[in-house]
Amino acid sequence: MSKPRRGDKQPEFRPGTWLAGNGPENDIAICTRVRLARNLQGFPFSPCLDETESRQLFDFIVARLQQTGLPEQLKIVDLLPVEELERTVLVERHLISREMAATKRPGGVAVDAEESVAVMINEEDHLRVQVFAPGLQPAAAWQRAERLDDALIQRLPMAWSEEFGFLTSCPTNTGTGLRLSVMLHLPGLVWSEEIDKATNVAQKIHLAVRGLYGEGSRALGDFYQVSNQVTLGRDEAQIQNDVLLAVGRMVQWEREVRGALLRGSARVRTLDKVQRALGTLERAQILTSEEALGCLSALRFGIAAELVQGYETAAVNRALLLSQPGHLQRHTREVMKPEERDQRRAVLLREVLGCAR
């Protein structure tokens, strides 16, 4: 990935599978992700690897991934020479973790053309296999992940215990190594001040509720990731059922709250909130990342509720990604200071949404 330069021709911008905007329940359920943690026999866990061992591990895995017969065609990116801006873009596209972006040891990511599969190499575990599906599709995402996992097991000596299952760097992942998460857009629960109640209910049934970029991140733009916490002692089918049941309830809860926000006196306040957000997007000269996500969240809700006309969810999804610092600089072909980004963000979002004046 090369450093952006002024005057370079812009490729067609695609937000990736996680923001494709289709799939079941896509107005609320943005994306489903299956993540499998896997480690190789004969190597220490990633946190214990020295530089030479890290490079040996990376080269060994890459050689096996390049063998023919994998169910996915993957492009392998060695992250060591990749600059900070390009790493940030990969984080914003949910292809690598923030922790992997910050590391200086050998590692990389293997990605398919649609960015629906991303295999992190030498993150917290030797392999983090990720499969994305738009909307609420846990079964489809798992079936695809299982096919890839089976192919990897045939090519790589996985660390496995008859007693515990797949062995992982963090004990909370031991067993299946499966994390099934769904990205949800929950402005209704946030605006009605019921999000804490919903989060507490999820946690009581051993689900984790995290922000836009997973563990340790905030719920910017009313986006929340809901995933299982327990892997040991639960098989893949049980984990899928647990997450699907809980997420289904949260989706229904969000729909009920949205309905209440659109009735009676609440409708005027809701419409006012959406129109204020739209006014900010149309007129603001300075927009921070957080403010932009909040306004775009409100606009996305307004489109789904038919409170605004002339705007498309697909454009909002593009704007959500382009408003992020890495994508903003990549798109404009210029590395900028935060205050410069805030000014450029305001202009760019008007262009993307088609509301330039």
Protein backbone atom coordinates (compact mmCIF):
# COMPACT_ATOMS: atom_id res chain seq x y z
CA MET A 1 0.00 0.00 0.00
CA SER A 2 1.59 3.22 -1.16
CA LYS A 3 1.51 6.60 0.48
CA PRO A 4 -1.25 8.82 -0.98
CA ARG A 5 -0.08 11.53 -3.36
CA ARG A 6 -1.87 14.57 -4.68
CA GLY A 7 -3.05 14.09 -8.24
CA ASP A 8 -3.29 10.29 -8.04
CA LYS A 9 -6.44 8.92 -9.65
CA GLN A 10 -8.96 7.87 -7.05
CA PRO A 11 -10.11 4.25 -7.24
CA GLU A 12 -13.80 3.54 -6.90
CA PHE A 13 -14.61 3.76 -3.20
CA ARG A 14 -16.24 0.72 -1.65
CA PRO A 15 -16.97 0.56 2.07
CA GLY A 16 -16.36 -3.21 2.34
CA THR A 17 -18.63 -6.05 3.40
CA TRP A 18 -19.17 -4.78 6.96
CA LEU A 19 -20.87 -1.65 5.57
CA ALA A 20 -22.40 -3.14 2.42
CA GLY A 21 -25.86 -2.12 3.62
CA ASN A 22 -27.73 -5.29 2.68
CA GLY A 23 -28.65 -8.57 4.31
CA PRO A 24 -31.39 -9.44 6.82
CA GLU A 25 -32.40 -6.71 9.32
CA ASN A 26 -29.84 -4.38 7.71
CA ASP A 27 -31.44 -1.18 9.02
CA ILE A 28 -30.36 -2.24 12.52
CA ALA A 29 -27.98 -5.19 12.12
CA ILE A 30 -25.08 -3.76 10.13
CA CYS A 31 -22.82 -6.78 9.93
CA THR A 32 -22.18 -10.25 11.36
CA ARG A 33 -18.61 -11.35 12.07
CA VAL A 34 -17.23 -14.78 12.92
CA ARG A 35 -13.73 -14.75 14.40
CA LEU A 36 -11.69 -17.86 15.11
CA ALA A 37 -8.56 -17.81 17.28
CA ARG A 38 -5.98 -20.41 16.24
CA ASN A 39 -2.37 -21.17 17.18
CA LEU A 40 0.31 -23.44 15.76
CA GLN A 41 2.16 -26.24 17.47
CA GLY A 42 5.91 -25.73 17.74
CA PHE A 43 5.79 -21.96 18.27
CA PRO A 44 5.37 -19.99 21.51
CA PHE A 45 2.20 -17.91 21.76
CA SER A 46 2.51 -14.59 19.93
CA PRO A 47 3.18 -12.40 23.02
CA CYS A 48 6.21 -14.61 23.80
CA LEU A 49 7.76 -14.63 20.31
CA ASP A 50 11.00 -12.79 19.69
CA GLU A 51 11.64 -10.98 16.40
CA THR A 52 13.27 -13.96 14.66
CA GLU A 53 10.51 -16.36 15.74
CA SER A 54 7.84 -13.87 14.65
CA ARG A 55 9.34 -13.70 11.17
CA GLN A 56 9.68 -17.49 10.97
CA LEU A 57 6.04 -17.90 12.02
CA PHE A 58 4.83 -15.32 9.51
CA ASP A 59 6.81 -16.83 6.64
CA PHE A 60 5.65 -20.35 7.54
CA ILE A 61 1.97 -19.36 7.59
CA VAL A 62 2.23 -17.30 4.40
CA ALA A 63 3.77 -20.23 2.54
CA ARG A 64 0.86 -22.46 3.57
CA LEU A 65 -1.75 -19.81 2.69
CA GLN A 66 -0.25 -19.51 -0.77
CA GLN A 67 -0.83 -23.18 -1.50
CA THR A 68 -3.57 -23.93 -4.01
CA GLY A 69 -6.92 -25.31 -2.92
CA LEU A 70 -7.98 -22.83 -0.24
CA PRO A 71 -11.71 -22.02 -0.45
CA GLU A 72 -10.83 -18.29 -0.48
CA GLN A 73 -8.50 -16.29 -2.72
CA LEU A 74 -6.52 -14.13 -0.34
CA LYS A 75 -4.08 -11.28 -0.88
CA ILE A 76 -1.40 -11.24 1.80
CA VAL A 77 -0.17 -7.90 3.16
CA ASP A 78 3.06 -7.84 5.17
CA LEU A 79 2.37 -5.08 7.69
CA LEU A 80 5.97 -4.41 8.70
CA PRO A 81 6.68 -1.94 5.84
CA VAL A 82 3.14 -0.49 5.87
CA GLU A 83 2.96 3.10 7.11
CA GLU A 84 0.83 4.26 10.03
CA LEU A 85 -1.85 5.87 7.84
CA GLU A 86 -2.44 2.69 5.85
CA ARG A 87 -2.60 0.66 9.06
CA THR A 88 -5.23 3.08 10.36
CA VAL A 89 -7.28 2.54 7.20
CA LEU A 90 -7.16 -1.22 7.76
CA VAL A 91 -8.39 -0.75 11.33
CA GLU A 92 -11.23 1.50 10.18
CA ARG A 93 -12.24 -1.17 7.67
CA HIS A 94 -12.23 -3.75 10.51
CA LEU A 95 -9.60 -5.86 8.75
CA ILE A 96 -7.03 -5.64 11.54
CA SER A 97 -7.25 -4.73 15.22
CA ARG A 98 -5.96 -1.53 16.78
CA GLU A 99 -3.44 -3.65 18.71
CA MET A 100 -2.11 -5.17 15.51
CA ALA A 101 -1.84 -1.75 13.88
CA ALA A 102 0.36 -0.58 16.75
CA THR A 103 2.76 -3.54 16.84
CA LYS A 104 6.23 -3.40 15.28
CA ARG A 105 6.87 -7.14 15.12
CA PRO A 106 6.49 -9.16 11.90
CA GLY A 107 2.88 -9.90 11.03
CA GLY A 108 0.28 -9.31 8.39
CA VAL A 109 -3.21 -9.85 7.12
CA ALA A 110 -4.65 -11.94 4.27
CA VAL A 111 -7.76 -10.39 2.71
CA ASP A 112 -10.12 -11.40 -0.08
CA ALA A 113 -11.22 -8.99 -2.82
CA GLU A 114 -14.59 -8.22 -1.21
CA GLU A 115 -13.09 -7.75 2.27
CA SER A 116 -15.46 -10.40 3.57
CA VAL A 117 -12.54 -12.53 4.81
CA ALA A 118 -9.52 -11.25 6.74
CA VAL A 119 -6.95 -13.50 8.40
CA MET A 120 -4.69 -11.67 10.85
CA ILE A 121 -1.29 -13.34 11.16
CA ASN A 122 0.62 -12.99 14.44
CA GLU A 123 -1.82 -10.83 16.36
CA GLU A 124 -2.66 -11.93 19.94
CA ASP A 125 -2.93 -15.44 18.48
CA HIS A 126 -0.96 -16.82 15.55
CA LEU A 127 -4.11 -16.67 13.43
CA ARG A 128 -7.29 -14.66 13.81
CA VAL A 129 -9.65 -15.81 11.06
CA GLN A 130 -12.44 -13.31 10.40
CA VAL A 131 -15.45 -13.75 8.12
CA PHE A 132 -17.97 -10.94 7.60
CA ALA A 133 -21.53 -11.09 6.28
CA PRO A 134 -23.79 -8.05 5.83
CA GLY A 135 -26.86 -7.84 8.06
CA LEU A 136 -27.81 -10.55 10.54
CA GLN A 137 -26.39 -13.77 9.05
CA PRO A 138 -24.64 -15.85 11.75
CA ALA A 139 -25.26 -19.20 10.03
CA ALA A 140 -23.92 -18.05 6.65
CA ALA A 141 -20.86 -16.42 8.21
CA TRP A 142 -20.12 -19.51 10.30
CA GLN A 143 -20.47 -21.93 7.36
CA ARG A 144 -17.96 -19.92 5.35
CA ALA A 145 -15.58 -19.62 8.31
CA GLU A 146 -15.85 -23.36 8.98
CA ARG A 147 -14.86 -24.21 5.40
CA LEU A 148 -11.81 -21.96 5.63
CA ASP A 149 -10.92 -23.30 9.07
CA ASP A 150 -11.07 -26.89 7.85
CA ALA A 151 -8.73 -26.01 4.97
CA LEU A 152 -6.29 -24.29 7.33
CA ILE A 153 -6.30 -27.25 9.72
CA GLN A 154 -5.25 -29.46 6.80
CA ARG A 155 -2.30 -27.18 6.05
CA LEU A 156 -1.17 -26.02 9.50
CA PRO A 157 -0.38 -27.95 12.73
CA MET A 158 -2.95 -26.38 15.06
CA ALA A 159 -2.44 -26.34 18.83
CA TRP A 160 -5.22 -28.56 20.18
CA SER A 161 -6.04 -30.28 23.46
CA GLU A 162 -8.46 -33.19 23.86
CA GLU A 163 -9.46 -31.71 27.21
CA PHE A 164 -9.70 -28.02 26.37
CA GLY A 165 -10.07 -27.78 22.58
CA PHE A 166 -8.17 -25.12 20.60
CA LEU A 167 -5.43 -23.56 22.73
CA THR A 168 -5.28 -19.77 22.69
CA SER A 169 -3.12 -17.00 24.04
CA CYS A 170 -5.96 -15.70 26.22
CA PRO A 171 -7.81 -18.35 28.29
CA THR A 172 -11.19 -16.74 27.53
CA ASN A 173 -10.84 -17.88 23.92
CA THR A 174 -9.91 -21.49 24.69
CA GLY A 175 -12.30 -24.16 23.45
CA THR A 176 -13.89 -23.35 20.12
CA GLY A 177 -11.89 -20.12 19.80
CA LEU A 178 -15.09 -18.67 18.34
CA ARG A 179 -16.27 -15.11 18.77
CA LEU A 180 -19.54 -14.39 17.00
CA SER A 181 -20.39 -10.71 16.96
CA VAL A 182 -23.06 -8.54 15.36
CA MET A 183 -22.66 -4.82 14.75
CA LEU A 184 -25.90 -3.05 15.67
CA HIS A 185 -27.10 0.50 15.03
CA LEU A 186 -29.14 1.41 18.10
CA PRO A 187 -30.06 5.13 18.05
CA GLY A 188 -33.54 4.37 19.39
CA LEU A 189 -32.23 2.73 22.56
CA VAL A 190 -29.66 5.50 23.00
CA TRP A 191 -32.11 8.40 22.45
CA SER A 192 -34.71 6.83 24.76
CA GLU A 193 -32.00 6.28 27.40
CA GLU A 194 -32.60 2.53 27.48
CA ILE A 195 -29.20 1.49 26.15
CA ASP A 196 -27.74 0.85 29.62
CA LYS A 197 -30.67 -1.41 30.43
CA ALA A 198 -30.17 -3.32 27.16
CA THR A 199 -26.43 -3.61 27.81
CA ASN A 200 -27.01 -4.94 31.33
CA VAL A 201 -29.47 -7.55 30.04
CA ALA A 202 -26.91 -8.73 27.48
CA GLN A 203 -24.14 -8.96 30.07
CA LYS A 204 -26.33 -11.04 32.40
CA ILE A 205 -26.53 -13.72 29.73
CA HIS A 206 -22.74 -13.61 29.21
CA LEU A 207 -22.64 -11.44 26.10
CA ALA A 208 -20.13 -8.62 25.65
CA VAL A 209 -21.32 -5.23 24.39
CA ARG A 210 -18.54 -3.11 22.94
CA GLY A 211 -18.06 -0.04 20.77
CA LEU A 212 -17.43 0.49 17.09
CA TYR A 213 -13.90 -0.96 17.09
CA GLY A 214 -14.41 -3.77 19.58
CA GLU A 215 -12.79 -4.30 22.96
CA GLY A 216 -11.96 -1.10 24.78
CA SER A 217 -13.64 1.19 22.24
CA ARG A 218 -16.56 3.57 22.68
CA ALA A 219 -19.95 3.25 21.00
CA LEU A 220 -19.49 6.06 18.51
CA GLY A 221 -22.41 6.85 16.22
CA ASP A 222 -24.74 4.63 18.27
CA PHE A 223 -22.95 1.52 16.92
CA TYR A 224 -22.50 -1.43 19.28
CA GLN A 225 -20.88 -4.83 18.84
CA VAL A 226 -22.62 -7.68 20.66
CA SER A 227 -20.70 -10.95 20.99
CA ASN A 228 -20.35 -14.09 23.10
CA GLN A 229 -17.94 -14.03 26.03
CA VAL A 230 -17.73 -17.77 26.75
CA THR A 231 -16.05 -20.23 24.37
CA LEU A 232 -14.97 -23.06 26.67
CA GLY A 233 -17.70 -25.64 27.24
CA ARG A 234 -19.96 -24.26 24.49
CA ASP A 235 -19.95 -25.70 20.99
CA GLU A 236 -20.34 -23.64 17.85
CA ALA A 237 -24.07 -24.30 17.49
CA GLN A 238 -24.74 -23.26 21.09
CA ILE A 239 -22.77 -20.03 20.64
CA GLN A 240 -24.69 -19.21 17.47
CA ASN A 241 -28.01 -19.82 19.19
CA ASP A 242 -27.02 -17.72 22.21
CA VAL A 243 -25.96 -14.73 20.12
CA LEU A 244 -28.82 -14.99 17.62
CA LEU A 245 -31.42 -15.14 20.40
CA ALA A 246 -29.98 -12.16 22.27
CA VAL A 247 -29.38 -10.06 19.17
CA GLY A 248 -32.87 -10.87 17.89
CA ARG A 249 -34.30 -9.54 21.13
CA MET A 250 -32.21 -6.38 20.93
CA VAL A 251 -33.29 -5.79 17.33
CA GLN A 252 -36.92 -6.18 18.35
CA TRP A 253 -36.39 -3.88 21.33
CA GLU A 254 -34.83 -1.26 19.04
CA ARG A 255 -37.79 -1.52 16.63
CA GLU A 256 -40.28 -1.05 19.47
CA VAL A 257 -38.42 1.99 20.79
CA ARG A 258 -38.13 3.49 17.30
CA GLY A 259 -41.88 3.07 16.92
CA ALA A 260 -42.46 4.92 20.21
CA LEU A 261 -40.12 7.71 19.12
CA LEU A 262 -42.20 8.20 15.97
CA ARG A 263 -45.58 8.48 17.71
CA GLY A 264 -47.36 11.36 19.42
CA SER A 265 -45.36 14.21 20.91
CA ALA A 266 -42.16 12.17 20.74
CA ARG A 267 -42.28 12.33 16.94
CA VAL A 268 -41.67 16.08 16.90
CA ARG A 269 -38.62 15.76 19.15
CA THR A 270 -37.29 12.89 17.04
CA LEU A 271 -37.83 14.81 13.82
CA ASP A 272 -36.11 17.83 15.36
CA LYS A 273 -33.09 15.70 16.32
CA VAL A 274 -32.81 14.29 12.81
CA GLN A 275 -33.23 17.68 11.14
CA ARG A 276 -30.67 19.31 13.44
CA ALA A 277 -28.18 16.60 12.51
CA LEU A 278 -28.93 17.11 8.84
CA GLY A 279 -28.55 20.86 9.23
CA THR A 280 -25.14 20.36 10.81
CA LEU A 281 -24.03 18.09 7.96
CA GLU A 282 -25.29 20.61 5.40
CA ARG A 283 -23.84 23.76 6.97
CA ALA A 284 -21.05 23.01 9.45
CA GLN A 285 -17.58 24.27 8.59
CA ILE A 286 -15.85 22.10 11.20
CA LEU A 287 -16.76 18.51 12.11
CA THR A 288 -14.88 16.20 14.47
CA SER A 289 -15.00 12.44 13.87
CA GLU A 290 -17.27 11.94 16.87
CA GLU A 291 -19.67 14.71 15.87
CA ALA A 292 -19.80 13.45 12.29
CA LEU A 293 -20.67 9.92 13.41
CA GLY A 294 -23.42 11.25 15.67
CA CYS A 295 -24.96 13.28 12.86
CA LEU A 296 -24.66 10.45 10.35
CA SER A 297 -26.26 8.06 12.84
CA ALA A 298 -29.24 10.40 13.18
CA LEU A 299 -29.49 10.77 9.39
CA ARG A 300 -29.35 6.99 8.93
CA PHE A 301 -32.21 6.64 11.42
CA GLY A 302 -34.13 9.40 9.64
CA ILE A 303 -33.81 7.66 6.29
CA ALA A 304 -35.01 4.34 7.72
CA ALA A 305 -37.97 6.09 9.42
CA GLU A 306 -38.77 8.09 6.25
CA LEU A 307 -38.33 11.37 8.11
CA VAL A 308 -36.04 12.82 5.43
CA GLN A 309 -36.13 12.64 1.64
CA GLY A 310 -33.43 12.67 -1.00
CA TYR A 311 -30.74 10.79 0.92
CA GLU A 312 -29.64 7.18 0.55
CA THR A 313 -28.38 4.80 3.22
CA ALA A 314 -25.57 3.70 0.89
CA ALA A 315 -24.26 7.28 0.80
CA VAL A 316 -24.46 7.49 4.59
CA ASN A 317 -22.48 4.26 4.89
CA ARG A 318 -19.77 5.67 2.61
CA ALA A 319 -19.76 8.87 4.64
CA LEU A 320 -19.44 6.90 7.90
CA LEU A 321 -16.20 5.39 6.70
CA LEU A 322 -14.81 8.44 4.90
CA SER A 323 -15.34 10.55 8.02
CA GLN A 324 -12.75 8.48 9.89
CA PRO A 325 -9.24 10.02 10.12
CA GLY A 326 -7.42 7.39 8.08
CA HIS A 327 -9.95 7.24 5.26
CA LEU A 328 -10.31 11.01 5.17
CA GLN A 329 -6.59 11.49 4.60
CA ARG A 330 -6.36 8.56 2.20
CA HIS A 331 -9.25 9.96 0.15
CA THR A 332 -7.93 13.51 0.02
CA ARG A 333 -4.36 12.33 -0.67
CA GLU A 334 -3.04 14.54 2.09
CA VAL A 335 -1.74 13.96 5.61
CA MET A 336 -3.37 16.57 7.83
CA LYS A 337 -3.35 17.83 11.40
CA PRO A 338 -6.53 17.17 13.44
CA GLU A 339 -7.91 20.69 12.99
CA GLU A 340 -7.32 20.49 9.23
CA ARG A 341 -9.10 17.14 9.12
CA ASP A 342 -12.11 18.60 10.92
CA GLN A 343 -12.47 21.30 8.25
CA ARG A 344 -11.93 18.93 5.34
CA ARG A 345 -14.35 16.39 6.85
CA ALA A 346 -17.19 18.93 6.82
CA VAL A 347 -16.63 19.64 3.11
CA LEU A 348 -16.18 16.00 2.12
CA LEU A 349 -19.34 14.79 3.84
CA ARG A 350 -21.41 17.34 1.97
CA GLU A 351 -19.91 16.08 -1.27
CA VAL A 352 -20.52 12.42 -0.43
CA LEU A 353 -24.10 13.00 0.74
CA GLY A 354 -24.95 15.24 -2.20
CA CYS A 355 -25.90 18.21 -0.03
CA ALA A 356 -23.20 20.68 -1.08
CA ARG A 357 -24.40 24.26 -1.21
